[in-house]
Amino acid sequence: MMSQTTQLAEISDLELAQALVQRLGISSDDWHRLKANRKARASEQVAAALVFLLKDEKQEALQRLQQAVGWLDRSISAPPCPTHGGK
């Protein structure tokens, strides 16, 4: 049986980052519940930034990191629900 360390060594950094995006991403089912959760939103953005960084897409990574900082320093807030419009 393979150890967890051995199993992780067989997965690329990009694959690990993409798995993290899947794990931390907010699904449409959870959007209302988590839309203002700053930790959840920042975590989602940091994971996405890591994927872009590993793909050598530095500008996209920087944008996601700036979004994460905005969630953490409270300079941004959740947008209105896309299914309810901005009313």
C-alpha atoms as a PDB file:
ATOM      1  CA  MET A   1       0.000   0.000   0.000  1.00  0.00           C
ATOM      2  CA  MET A   2       1.331   3.455  -0.951  1.00  0.00           C
ATOM      3  CA  SER A   3       1.893   6.058   1.690  1.00  0.00           C
ATOM      4  CA  GLN A   4       0.141   9.387   1.378  1.00  0.00           C
ATOM      5  CA  THR A   5       3.497  11.077   0.753  1.00  0.00           C
ATOM      6  CA  THR A   6       4.242   8.687  -2.118  1.00  0.00           C
ATOM      7  CA  GLN A   7       0.793   9.252  -3.597  1.00  0.00           C
ATOM      8  CA  LEU A   8       1.210  13.037  -3.414  1.00  0.00           C
ATOM      9  CA  ALA A   9       4.630  12.811  -5.048  1.00  0.00           C
ATOM     10  CA  GLU A  10       3.007  11.247  -8.106  1.00  0.00           C
ATOM     11  CA  ILE A  11       0.645  14.193  -8.582  1.00  0.00           C
ATOM     12  CA  SER A  12       1.902  17.342 -10.256  1.00  0.00           C
ATOM     13  CA  ASP A  13       1.830  20.685  -8.451  1.00  0.00           C
ATOM     14  CA  LEU A  14      -0.739  21.918 -10.963  1.00  0.00           C
ATOM     15  CA  GLU A  15      -2.995  18.916 -10.355  1.00  0.00           C
ATOM     16  CA  LEU A  16      -2.782  19.483  -6.608  1.00  0.00           C
ATOM     17  CA  ALA A  17      -3.633  23.166  -7.042  1.00  0.00           C
ATOM     18  CA  GLN A  18      -6.559  22.302  -9.317  1.00  0.00           C
ATOM     19  CA  ALA A  19      -7.840  19.834  -6.728  1.00  0.00           C
ATOM     20  CA  LEU A  20      -7.629  22.602  -4.139  1.00  0.00           C
ATOM     21  CA  VAL A  21      -9.666  24.880  -6.408  1.00  0.00           C
ATOM     22  CA  GLN A  22     -12.298  22.138  -6.659  1.00  0.00           C
ATOM     23  CA  ARG A  23     -12.342  21.699  -2.897  1.00  0.00           C
ATOM     24  CA  LEU A  24     -12.421  25.414  -1.992  1.00  0.00           C
ATOM     25  CA  GLY A  25     -14.580  26.667  -4.855  1.00  0.00           C
ATOM     26  CA  ILE A  26     -18.038  27.884  -3.919  1.00  0.00           C
ATOM     27  CA  SER A  27     -20.676  26.001  -5.866  1.00  0.00           C
ATOM     28  CA  SER A  28     -23.856  27.663  -7.074  1.00  0.00           C
ATOM     29  CA  ASP A  29     -25.727  25.636  -4.428  1.00  0.00           C
ATOM     30  CA  ASP A  30     -23.608  27.199  -1.661  1.00  0.00           C
ATOM     31  CA  TRP A  31     -23.330  30.689  -3.128  1.00  0.00           C
ATOM     32  CA  HIS A  32     -26.073  32.302  -1.023  1.00  0.00           C
ATOM     33  CA  ARG A  33     -24.752  30.745   2.175  1.00  0.00           C
ATOM     34  CA  LEU A  34     -21.089  31.609   1.548  1.00  0.00           C
ATOM     35  CA  LYS A  35     -21.250  34.744  -0.623  1.00  0.00           C
ATOM     36  CA  ALA A  36     -20.214  37.007   2.270  1.00  0.00           C
ATOM     37  CA  ASN A  37     -17.931  34.517   4.043  1.00  0.00           C
ATOM     38  CA  ARG A  38     -14.609  36.318   3.790  1.00  0.00           C
ATOM     39  CA  LYS A  39     -12.474  33.293   4.641  1.00  0.00           C
ATOM     40  CA  ALA A  40     -14.248  31.120   2.053  1.00  0.00           C
ATOM     41  CA  ARG A  41     -14.054  33.795  -0.630  1.00  0.00           C
ATOM     42  CA  ALA A  42     -10.375  34.581   0.048  1.00  0.00           C
ATOM     43  CA  SER A  43      -9.493  30.871   0.105  1.00  0.00           C
ATOM     44  CA  GLU A  44     -11.224  30.372  -3.233  1.00  0.00           C
ATOM     45  CA  GLN A  45      -9.264  33.255  -4.779  1.00  0.00           C
ATOM     46  CA  VAL A  46      -5.890  32.181  -3.348  1.00  0.00           C
ATOM     47  CA  ALA A  47      -6.369  28.652  -4.711  1.00  0.00           C
ATOM     48  CA  ALA A  48      -7.244  30.045  -8.136  1.00  0.00           C
ATOM     49  CA  ALA A  49      -4.199  32.339  -7.973  1.00  0.00           C
ATOM     50  CA  LEU A  50      -1.972  29.330  -7.319  1.00  0.00           C
ATOM     51  CA  VAL A  51      -3.296  27.564 -10.420  1.00  0.00           C
ATOM     52  CA  PHE A  52      -2.635  30.635 -12.573  1.00  0.00           C
ATOM     53  CA  LEU A  53       0.827  31.070 -11.078  1.00  0.00           C
ATOM     54  CA  LEU A  54       1.732  27.452 -11.825  1.00  0.00           C
ATOM     55  CA  LYS A  55       0.515  27.980 -15.396  1.00  0.00           C
ATOM     56  CA  ASP A  56       2.848  31.007 -15.592  1.00  0.00           C
ATOM     57  CA  GLU A  57      -0.112  33.365 -15.960  1.00  0.00           C
ATOM     58  CA  LYS A  58       1.228  35.939 -13.529  1.00  0.00           C
ATOM     59  CA  GLN A  59      -1.269  38.721 -14.276  1.00  0.00           C
ATOM     60  CA  GLU A  60      -4.249  36.417 -13.645  1.00  0.00           C
ATOM     61  CA  ALA A  61      -2.587  35.156 -10.461  1.00  0.00           C
ATOM     62  CA  LEU A  62      -2.050  38.709  -9.267  1.00  0.00           C
ATOM     63  CA  GLN A  63      -5.685  39.632  -9.914  1.00  0.00           C
ATOM     64  CA  ARG A  64      -6.884  36.649  -7.842  1.00  0.00           C
ATOM     65  CA  LEU A  65      -4.466  37.523  -5.029  1.00  0.00           C
ATOM     66  CA  GLN A  66      -5.715  41.117  -5.044  1.00  0.00           C
ATOM     67  CA  GLN A  67      -9.279  39.810  -4.792  1.00  0.00           C
ATOM     68  CA  ALA A  68      -8.259  37.617  -1.838  1.00  0.00           C
ATOM     69  CA  VAL A  69      -6.677  40.607  -0.099  1.00  0.00           C
ATOM     70  CA  GLY A  70      -9.857  42.582  -0.737  1.00  0.00           C
ATOM     71  CA  TRP A  71     -11.923  39.935   0.993  1.00  0.00           C
ATOM     72  CA  LEU A  72      -9.543  39.807   3.939  1.00  0.00           C
ATOM     73  CA  ASP A  73      -9.161  43.568   4.411  1.00  0.00           C
ATOM     74  CA  ARG A  74     -12.894  44.127   3.815  1.00  0.00           C
ATOM     75  CA  SER A  75     -12.340  46.457   0.861  1.00  0.00           C
ATOM     76  CA  ILE A  76     -14.694  44.363  -1.308  1.00  0.00           C
ATOM     77  CA  SER A  77     -18.093  42.815  -0.637  1.00  0.00           C
ATOM     78  CA  ALA A  78     -20.245  40.177  -2.218  1.00  0.00           C
ATOM     79  CA  PRO A  79     -21.979  41.191  -5.461  1.00  0.00           C
ATOM     80  CA  PRO A  80     -25.736  40.742  -5.783  1.00  0.00           C
ATOM     81  CA  CYS A  81     -27.000  37.278  -6.622  1.00  0.00           C
ATOM     82  CA  PRO A  82     -26.603  36.622 -10.369  1.00  0.00           C
ATOM     83  CA  THR A  83     -29.982  34.822 -10.517  1.00  0.00           C
ATOM     84  CA  HIS A  84     -31.875  37.609  -8.768  1.00  0.00           C
ATOM     85  CA  GLY A  85     -30.300  40.468 -10.642  1.00  0.00           C
ATOM     86  CA  GLY A  86     -28.906  43.564  -9.016  1.00  0.00           C
ATOM     87  CA  LYS A  87     -32.272  44.785  -7.714  1.00  0.00           C
END
